N, C-alpha and C. Protein backbone atom coordinates (compact mmCIF):
# COMPACT_ATOMS: atom_id res chain seq x y z
N MET A 1 108.60 -107.21 -9.91
CA MET A 1 107.39 -106.72 -9.42
C MET A 1 107.68 -106.11 -7.89
N ARG A 2 107.08 -104.99 -7.76
CA ARG A 2 107.06 -104.14 -6.39
C ARG A 2 106.06 -104.81 -5.60
N LEU A 3 106.34 -104.92 -4.35
CA LEU A 3 105.57 -105.17 -3.36
C LEU A 3 104.90 -104.09 -2.76
N TYR A 4 103.75 -104.15 -1.99
CA TYR A 4 103.10 -103.31 -1.21
C TYR A 4 102.69 -103.96 0.19
N ARG A 5 102.47 -103.06 1.08
CA ARG A 5 102.02 -103.42 2.38
C ARG A 5 100.95 -102.57 3.00
N ALA A 6 100.19 -103.03 3.78
CA ALA A 6 99.06 -102.29 4.40
C ALA A 6 98.50 -102.99 5.57
N LYS A 7 97.60 -102.21 6.34
CA LYS A 7 97.07 -102.89 7.65
C LYS A 7 95.91 -103.49 7.25
N ARG A 8 95.70 -104.80 7.60
CA ARG A 8 94.50 -105.63 7.20
C ARG A 8 93.43 -104.83 8.10
N LYS A 9 92.23 -104.90 7.42
CA LYS A 9 90.91 -104.42 8.06
C LYS A 9 90.53 -105.16 9.23
N ASP A 10 90.55 -106.67 9.07
CA ASP A 10 90.12 -107.50 10.10
C ASP A 10 90.66 -107.64 11.21
N ASN A 11 91.97 -107.40 11.39
CA ASN A 11 92.73 -107.61 12.66
C ASN A 11 93.99 -106.38 12.77
N GLY A 12 94.10 -105.63 11.73
CA GLY A 12 95.26 -104.49 11.97
C GLY A 12 96.59 -105.04 11.81
N GLU A 13 96.77 -106.26 11.38
CA GLU A 13 98.09 -106.80 11.20
C GLU A 13 98.57 -106.20 9.84
N TRP A 14 100.00 -105.94 9.68
CA TRP A 14 100.61 -105.70 8.32
C TRP A 14 100.63 -106.96 7.39
N VAL A 15 100.24 -106.71 6.09
CA VAL A 15 100.26 -107.93 5.14
C VAL A 15 101.04 -107.33 4.01
N TYR A 16 101.73 -108.08 3.33
CA TYR A 16 102.55 -107.67 2.30
C TYR A 16 102.16 -108.63 0.91
N GLY A 17 102.13 -107.90 -0.15
CA GLY A 17 101.88 -108.66 -1.45
C GLY A 17 101.48 -107.57 -2.58
N SER A 18 100.74 -108.29 -3.45
CA SER A 18 100.39 -107.49 -4.56
C SER A 18 99.15 -106.69 -4.24
N LEU A 19 98.87 -105.52 -4.98
CA LEU A 19 97.89 -104.66 -4.60
C LEU A 19 96.64 -104.55 -5.62
N THR A 20 95.51 -104.65 -5.23
CA THR A 20 94.35 -104.42 -6.15
C THR A 20 93.60 -103.25 -5.47
N ILE A 21 93.19 -102.21 -6.44
CA ILE A 21 92.28 -101.04 -5.88
C ILE A 21 91.11 -101.21 -6.63
N CYS A 22 89.94 -101.19 -5.74
CA CYS A 22 88.60 -101.45 -6.51
C CYS A 22 87.64 -100.14 -6.08
N ASN A 23 86.91 -99.73 -6.89
CA ASN A 23 86.01 -98.52 -6.56
C ASN A 23 84.57 -99.17 -7.20
N ALA A 24 83.88 -99.80 -6.41
CA ALA A 24 82.65 -100.33 -6.88
C ALA A 24 81.48 -99.09 -7.05
N TYR A 25 80.52 -99.49 -7.84
CA TYR A 25 79.46 -98.29 -8.26
C TYR A 25 78.18 -99.03 -7.99
N ASP A 26 77.26 -98.13 -7.58
CA ASP A 26 75.84 -98.72 -7.52
C ASP A 26 75.16 -98.17 -8.61
N LEU A 27 74.57 -99.22 -9.36
CA LEU A 27 73.95 -98.98 -10.67
C LEU A 27 72.64 -98.89 -10.70
N LYS A 28 71.89 -98.91 -9.51
CA LYS A 28 70.34 -98.80 -9.32
C LYS A 28 69.78 -97.72 -9.89
N ASP A 29 70.47 -96.62 -9.68
CA ASP A 29 69.72 -95.16 -9.86
C ASP A 29 70.27 -94.49 -11.27
N GLY A 30 71.37 -95.31 -11.77
CA GLY A 30 71.82 -94.81 -13.00
C GLY A 30 72.81 -93.59 -12.75
N THR A 31 72.91 -93.17 -11.44
CA THR A 31 73.99 -92.11 -11.43
C THR A 31 75.44 -92.53 -11.23
N HIS A 32 75.56 -93.81 -10.90
CA HIS A 32 76.94 -94.27 -10.65
C HIS A 32 77.56 -93.79 -9.48
N PRO A 33 77.02 -93.41 -8.38
CA PRO A 33 78.10 -92.82 -7.49
C PRO A 33 78.97 -93.68 -6.71
N PRO A 34 80.18 -93.24 -6.68
CA PRO A 34 81.30 -94.39 -6.28
C PRO A 34 81.06 -94.57 -4.70
N GLU A 35 81.37 -95.86 -4.50
CA GLU A 35 81.33 -96.31 -3.04
C GLU A 35 82.72 -96.01 -2.51
N PRO A 36 82.99 -96.18 -1.02
CA PRO A 36 84.42 -95.93 -0.74
C PRO A 36 85.42 -96.79 -1.43
N LEU A 37 86.56 -96.55 -1.40
CA LEU A 37 87.60 -97.12 -2.03
C LEU A 37 87.89 -98.35 -1.39
N HIS A 38 88.05 -99.50 -2.06
CA HIS A 38 88.43 -100.81 -1.42
C HIS A 38 89.92 -101.22 -2.06
N ALA A 39 90.89 -101.48 -0.90
CA ALA A 39 92.01 -102.03 -1.25
C ALA A 39 92.27 -103.44 -0.82
N ILE A 40 92.80 -104.32 -1.76
CA ILE A 40 93.10 -105.75 -1.35
C ILE A 40 94.47 -106.06 -1.52
N ILE A 41 95.19 -106.78 -0.68
CA ILE A 41 96.41 -107.32 -0.74
C ILE A 41 96.52 -108.85 -0.96
N CYS A 42 97.07 -109.18 -1.96
CA CYS A 42 97.03 -110.73 -2.10
C CYS A 42 98.69 -111.11 -1.98
N LYS A 43 98.71 -111.95 -0.87
CA LYS A 43 100.04 -112.45 -0.43
C LYS A 43 100.79 -113.07 -1.46
N GLN A 44 102.15 -113.04 -1.55
CA GLN A 44 102.84 -113.72 -2.52
C GLN A 44 103.31 -115.16 -2.16
N ASP A 45 102.93 -115.54 -0.84
CA ASP A 45 103.11 -117.04 -0.56
C ASP A 45 101.88 -117.75 -0.58
N ILE A 46 102.01 -119.07 -1.09
CA ILE A 46 100.81 -119.88 -1.20
C ILE A 46 100.68 -120.70 0.18
N GLU A 47 99.31 -120.67 0.47
CA GLU A 47 99.26 -121.32 1.96
C GLU A 47 98.14 -122.28 1.71
N TRP A 48 98.26 -123.43 2.52
CA TRP A 48 97.17 -124.46 2.62
C TRP A 48 95.95 -124.07 3.60
N ILE A 49 94.88 -124.16 2.92
CA ILE A 49 93.62 -123.76 3.85
C ILE A 49 93.13 -125.29 3.92
N SER A 50 92.77 -125.42 5.40
CA SER A 50 92.09 -126.71 5.71
C SER A 50 90.93 -126.54 6.37
N GLU A 51 89.88 -126.23 5.77
CA GLU A 51 88.54 -126.02 6.21
C GLU A 51 87.80 -127.38 5.99
N PRO A 52 86.90 -127.74 6.98
CA PRO A 52 86.21 -128.95 6.84
C PRO A 52 85.74 -129.45 5.36
N ASP A 53 85.21 -128.45 4.67
CA ASP A 53 84.68 -128.80 3.60
C ASP A 53 85.39 -128.26 2.27
N ASN A 54 86.44 -127.51 2.43
CA ASN A 54 87.14 -126.97 1.49
C ASN A 54 88.65 -126.93 1.71
N LYS A 55 89.21 -128.09 1.34
CA LYS A 55 90.70 -128.07 1.57
C LYS A 55 91.41 -127.66 0.11
N ARG A 56 92.40 -126.83 0.24
CA ARG A 56 92.99 -126.16 -0.81
C ARG A 56 94.15 -125.47 -0.66
N TRP A 57 95.12 -125.26 -1.88
CA TRP A 57 96.00 -124.37 -1.60
C TRP A 57 95.60 -122.97 -2.29
N CYS A 58 95.97 -121.82 -1.70
CA CYS A 58 95.61 -120.67 -2.17
C CYS A 58 96.59 -119.51 -2.07
N PHE A 59 96.38 -118.32 -2.63
CA PHE A 59 97.11 -117.06 -2.31
C PHE A 59 96.07 -116.16 -1.45
N PRO A 60 96.30 -116.28 -0.14
CA PRO A 60 95.40 -115.31 0.55
C PRO A 60 95.31 -114.15 0.19
N SER A 61 94.04 -113.38 0.25
CA SER A 61 93.86 -111.86 0.04
C SER A 61 93.16 -111.35 1.24
N TYR A 62 93.44 -110.09 1.51
CA TYR A 62 93.06 -109.44 2.63
C TYR A 62 92.63 -108.10 2.14
N GLU A 63 91.49 -107.52 2.74
CA GLU A 63 91.07 -106.23 2.57
C GLU A 63 91.78 -105.19 3.53
N VAL A 64 92.31 -104.22 2.97
CA VAL A 64 93.19 -103.49 3.85
C VAL A 64 92.69 -102.01 3.84
N HIS A 65 93.17 -101.20 4.84
CA HIS A 65 93.06 -99.94 5.03
C HIS A 65 93.70 -99.11 3.94
N PRO A 66 92.77 -98.55 2.84
CA PRO A 66 93.62 -97.92 1.91
C PRO A 66 94.73 -96.79 2.26
N GLU A 67 94.42 -95.94 3.30
CA GLU A 67 95.16 -95.09 3.75
C GLU A 67 96.61 -95.48 4.34
N THR A 68 96.64 -96.81 4.55
CA THR A 68 97.94 -97.32 5.12
C THR A 68 98.69 -98.19 3.99
N VAL A 69 98.37 -98.04 2.66
CA VAL A 69 99.04 -98.73 1.60
C VAL A 69 100.34 -98.00 1.44
N GLY A 70 101.40 -98.75 1.39
CA GLY A 70 102.77 -98.17 0.85
C GLY A 70 103.52 -99.11 0.04
N GLN A 71 104.04 -98.52 -0.97
CA GLN A 71 104.92 -99.40 -2.06
C GLN A 71 106.18 -99.53 -1.57
N GLN A 72 106.79 -100.59 -1.80
CA GLN A 72 108.12 -100.86 -1.58
C GLN A 72 109.02 -99.89 -2.62
N ILE A 73 110.10 -99.26 -2.15
CA ILE A 73 110.70 -98.31 -2.96
C ILE A 73 112.05 -98.78 -3.76
N GLY A 74 112.31 -99.96 -3.36
CA GLY A 74 113.55 -100.51 -4.05
C GLY A 74 114.83 -100.44 -3.33
N LEU A 75 114.67 -99.84 -2.14
CA LEU A 75 115.97 -99.69 -1.22
C LEU A 75 115.82 -100.49 0.26
N LYS A 76 116.77 -100.69 0.54
CA LYS A 76 116.89 -101.23 2.00
C LYS A 76 117.74 -100.37 3.00
N ASP A 77 117.47 -100.41 4.23
CA ASP A 77 118.10 -99.64 5.18
C ASP A 77 119.56 -100.20 5.56
N GLU A 78 120.10 -99.74 6.52
CA GLU A 78 121.48 -100.39 6.83
C GLU A 78 121.46 -101.81 7.39
N HIS A 79 120.22 -102.15 7.63
CA HIS A 79 120.12 -103.53 8.37
C HIS A 79 119.57 -104.44 7.39
N GLY A 80 119.35 -104.02 6.10
CA GLY A 80 118.75 -104.97 5.04
C GLY A 80 117.40 -104.94 5.01
N LYS A 81 116.46 -104.06 5.80
CA LYS A 81 115.06 -104.15 5.73
C LYS A 81 114.68 -103.35 4.69
N GLU A 82 113.49 -103.95 3.85
CA GLU A 82 112.98 -103.39 2.68
C GLU A 82 112.49 -101.84 3.32
N ILE A 83 112.52 -100.91 2.52
CA ILE A 83 111.75 -99.43 2.88
C ILE A 83 110.68 -99.27 2.16
N TYR A 84 109.56 -98.83 2.71
CA TYR A 84 108.55 -98.81 2.00
C TYR A 84 107.80 -97.33 2.23
N ALA A 85 107.01 -96.73 1.29
CA ALA A 85 106.31 -95.49 1.35
C ALA A 85 105.79 -95.60 2.62
N GLY A 86 105.72 -94.49 3.41
CA GLY A 86 105.29 -94.21 4.78
C GLY A 86 106.11 -94.54 5.99
N ASP A 87 107.33 -95.00 5.44
CA ASP A 87 108.28 -95.45 6.48
C ASP A 87 108.76 -94.17 7.20
N ARG A 88 109.19 -94.22 8.29
CA ARG A 88 110.08 -93.20 8.98
C ARG A 88 111.57 -93.58 9.29
N ILE A 89 112.29 -92.82 8.49
CA ILE A 89 113.71 -93.40 8.76
C ILE A 89 114.45 -92.39 9.38
N LYS A 90 115.65 -92.80 10.04
CA LYS A 90 116.61 -91.80 10.54
C LYS A 90 117.77 -91.97 9.79
N HIS A 91 118.04 -90.81 9.07
CA HIS A 91 119.17 -90.73 8.10
C HIS A 91 120.42 -90.24 8.90
N ILE A 92 121.46 -90.81 8.79
CA ILE A 92 122.72 -90.19 9.16
C ILE A 92 123.93 -89.96 8.33
N TRP A 93 124.53 -89.10 8.34
CA TRP A 93 125.54 -88.50 7.48
C TRP A 93 126.69 -87.78 8.15
N GLU A 94 127.84 -87.62 7.45
CA GLU A 94 128.96 -86.88 8.05
C GLU A 94 129.11 -85.67 7.10
N TYR A 95 129.28 -84.52 7.59
CA TYR A 95 129.43 -83.24 6.88
C TYR A 95 130.38 -82.41 7.77
N ALA A 96 131.65 -82.03 7.01
CA ALA A 96 132.50 -81.27 7.59
C ALA A 96 133.16 -81.87 9.05
N GLY A 97 133.34 -83.17 8.92
CA GLY A 97 133.87 -83.83 10.17
C GLY A 97 132.91 -83.93 11.26
N GLN A 98 131.61 -83.54 11.00
CA GLN A 98 130.45 -83.69 12.15
C GLN A 98 129.29 -84.59 11.69
N VAL A 99 128.94 -85.57 12.53
CA VAL A 99 127.98 -86.48 12.29
C VAL A 99 126.45 -85.52 12.35
N GLN A 100 125.58 -85.77 11.46
CA GLN A 100 124.41 -85.04 11.25
C GLN A 100 123.37 -86.17 10.95
N SER A 101 122.17 -85.73 11.54
CA SER A 101 120.97 -86.76 11.39
C SER A 101 119.86 -86.07 11.28
N GLU A 102 118.66 -86.72 10.61
CA GLU A 102 117.47 -86.24 10.51
C GLU A 102 116.53 -87.32 10.09
N VAL A 103 115.23 -86.97 10.78
CA VAL A 103 114.23 -88.16 10.48
C VAL A 103 113.45 -87.60 9.16
N ILE A 104 113.21 -88.60 8.35
CA ILE A 104 112.55 -88.42 7.06
C ILE A 104 111.40 -89.42 6.94
N ASP A 105 110.12 -88.75 6.58
CA ASP A 105 109.05 -89.55 6.17
C ASP A 105 109.22 -90.04 4.67
N VAL A 106 109.21 -91.18 4.42
CA VAL A 106 109.46 -91.64 3.00
C VAL A 106 107.84 -91.40 2.19
N LYS A 107 107.92 -90.39 1.53
CA LYS A 107 106.79 -90.03 0.65
C LYS A 107 106.95 -89.87 -0.89
N TRP A 108 105.93 -90.28 -1.70
CA TRP A 108 105.91 -90.13 -2.92
C TRP A 108 105.80 -88.55 -3.23
N LYS A 109 106.52 -87.95 -4.21
CA LYS A 109 106.49 -86.58 -4.51
C LYS A 109 105.88 -86.61 -6.10
N GLU A 110 104.61 -86.27 -5.92
CA GLU A 110 103.98 -86.28 -7.44
C GLU A 110 104.55 -85.41 -8.51
N ASP A 111 105.13 -84.26 -8.09
CA ASP A 111 105.68 -83.20 -8.96
C ASP A 111 107.14 -83.80 -9.40
N TRP A 112 107.72 -84.89 -8.58
CA TRP A 112 109.14 -85.23 -8.99
C TRP A 112 108.90 -86.69 -9.73
N SER A 113 107.65 -87.37 -9.58
CA SER A 113 107.18 -88.66 -10.03
C SER A 113 108.14 -89.71 -9.41
N GLY A 114 108.55 -89.43 -8.00
CA GLY A 114 109.41 -90.28 -7.49
C GLY A 114 109.57 -90.05 -5.91
N PHE A 115 110.36 -90.78 -5.32
CA PHE A 115 110.43 -90.52 -3.80
C PHE A 115 111.73 -89.63 -3.54
N SER A 116 111.33 -88.47 -2.78
CA SER A 116 112.42 -87.61 -2.43
C SER A 116 113.33 -88.00 -0.98
N LEU A 117 114.62 -88.63 -1.53
CA LEU A 117 115.41 -89.20 -0.24
C LEU A 117 116.86 -88.74 -0.90
N PRO A 118 117.58 -88.58 0.19
CA PRO A 118 118.91 -88.40 0.01
C PRO A 118 119.63 -89.66 -0.68
N LEU A 119 120.59 -89.38 -1.65
CA LEU A 119 121.07 -90.52 -2.25
C LEU A 119 121.85 -91.55 -1.41
N SER A 120 122.32 -91.19 -0.16
CA SER A 120 122.89 -92.13 0.72
C SER A 120 121.99 -92.95 1.64
N VAL A 121 120.65 -92.58 1.26
CA VAL A 121 119.78 -93.26 2.43
C VAL A 121 120.00 -94.65 2.65
N ALA A 122 120.13 -95.64 1.60
CA ALA A 122 120.24 -96.95 1.70
C ALA A 122 121.43 -97.39 2.69
N ASN A 123 122.51 -96.72 2.65
CA ASN A 123 123.67 -97.08 3.50
C ASN A 123 123.77 -96.47 4.69
N ASN A 124 123.15 -95.37 5.06
CA ASN A 124 123.11 -94.60 6.05
C ASN A 124 121.74 -94.32 6.79
N SER A 125 121.02 -95.21 6.95
CA SER A 125 119.68 -95.02 7.47
C SER A 125 119.13 -96.08 8.24
N GLU A 126 118.13 -95.92 9.12
CA GLU A 126 117.59 -97.02 9.83
C GLU A 126 116.05 -96.65 9.96
N ILE A 127 115.19 -97.86 9.64
CA ILE A 127 113.68 -97.63 9.75
C ILE A 127 113.36 -97.50 11.26
N ILE A 128 112.73 -96.39 11.70
CA ILE A 128 112.43 -96.31 13.17
C ILE A 128 111.06 -96.31 13.51
N GLY A 129 110.27 -96.52 12.26
CA GLY A 129 108.69 -96.57 12.45
C GLY A 129 107.99 -96.07 11.14
N ASN A 130 106.72 -95.95 11.08
CA ASN A 130 106.30 -95.40 10.03
C ASN A 130 105.03 -94.52 10.37
N ILE A 131 104.55 -93.80 9.33
CA ILE A 131 103.40 -92.65 9.75
C ILE A 131 102.16 -93.19 10.22
N HIS A 132 101.95 -94.48 10.08
CA HIS A 132 100.55 -95.09 10.51
C HIS A 132 100.67 -95.77 12.03
N THR A 133 101.76 -95.93 12.42
CA THR A 133 101.95 -96.29 13.97
C THR A 133 103.12 -95.39 14.61
N GLU A 134 103.25 -95.70 15.91
CA GLU A 134 104.19 -94.87 16.79
C GLU A 134 105.55 -95.20 16.54
N ASN A 135 106.53 -94.39 16.37
CA ASN A 135 107.94 -94.78 16.11
C ASN A 135 108.55 -95.20 17.59
N GLN A 136 109.88 -95.33 17.61
CA GLN A 136 110.46 -95.77 18.86
C GLN A 136 110.46 -94.70 19.76
N ASN A 137 110.31 -93.58 19.41
CA ASN A 137 110.30 -92.28 20.65
C ASN A 137 108.92 -92.18 21.07
N GLY A 138 108.09 -93.09 20.74
CA GLY A 138 106.57 -93.11 21.20
C GLY A 138 105.57 -91.86 20.56
N LYS A 139 106.29 -91.28 19.52
CA LYS A 139 105.50 -90.40 18.78
C LYS A 139 104.70 -90.88 17.47
N GLY A 140 103.50 -90.77 17.40
CA GLY A 140 102.80 -91.18 16.40
C GLY A 140 102.95 -90.40 15.18
N GLY A 141 102.49 -90.78 13.95
CA GLY A 141 102.55 -89.85 12.81
C GLY A 141 101.34 -90.00 12.04
């Protein structure tokens, strides 16, 4: 199962887990206009909830900003960190005896039905930020 990540609406923190997308409809007038898209992430780790009248184990779910949702792509960077859609990575390789580098935003390519990344990205890359927050150079995306 692939994991997703997104920023929580209530506090802006990143949350990781399974993704559910909902698009509710208003049925009062019969025209069914769609409401704004709702995205929910359910964490994979069970947690103990200790409320005064409701103690239980559960898989917490959080409403997230849909525009920040990114799917795990199945690769890790050179430090073993999972790469997600929306990550900004610095890819380094050697060509003709010279070290080359470029910054790549990990994006889904609809016409390819996949992520457009160099083959060596897992062994020769480092996550330096993502398109939703500032990277290490202080430049946002």
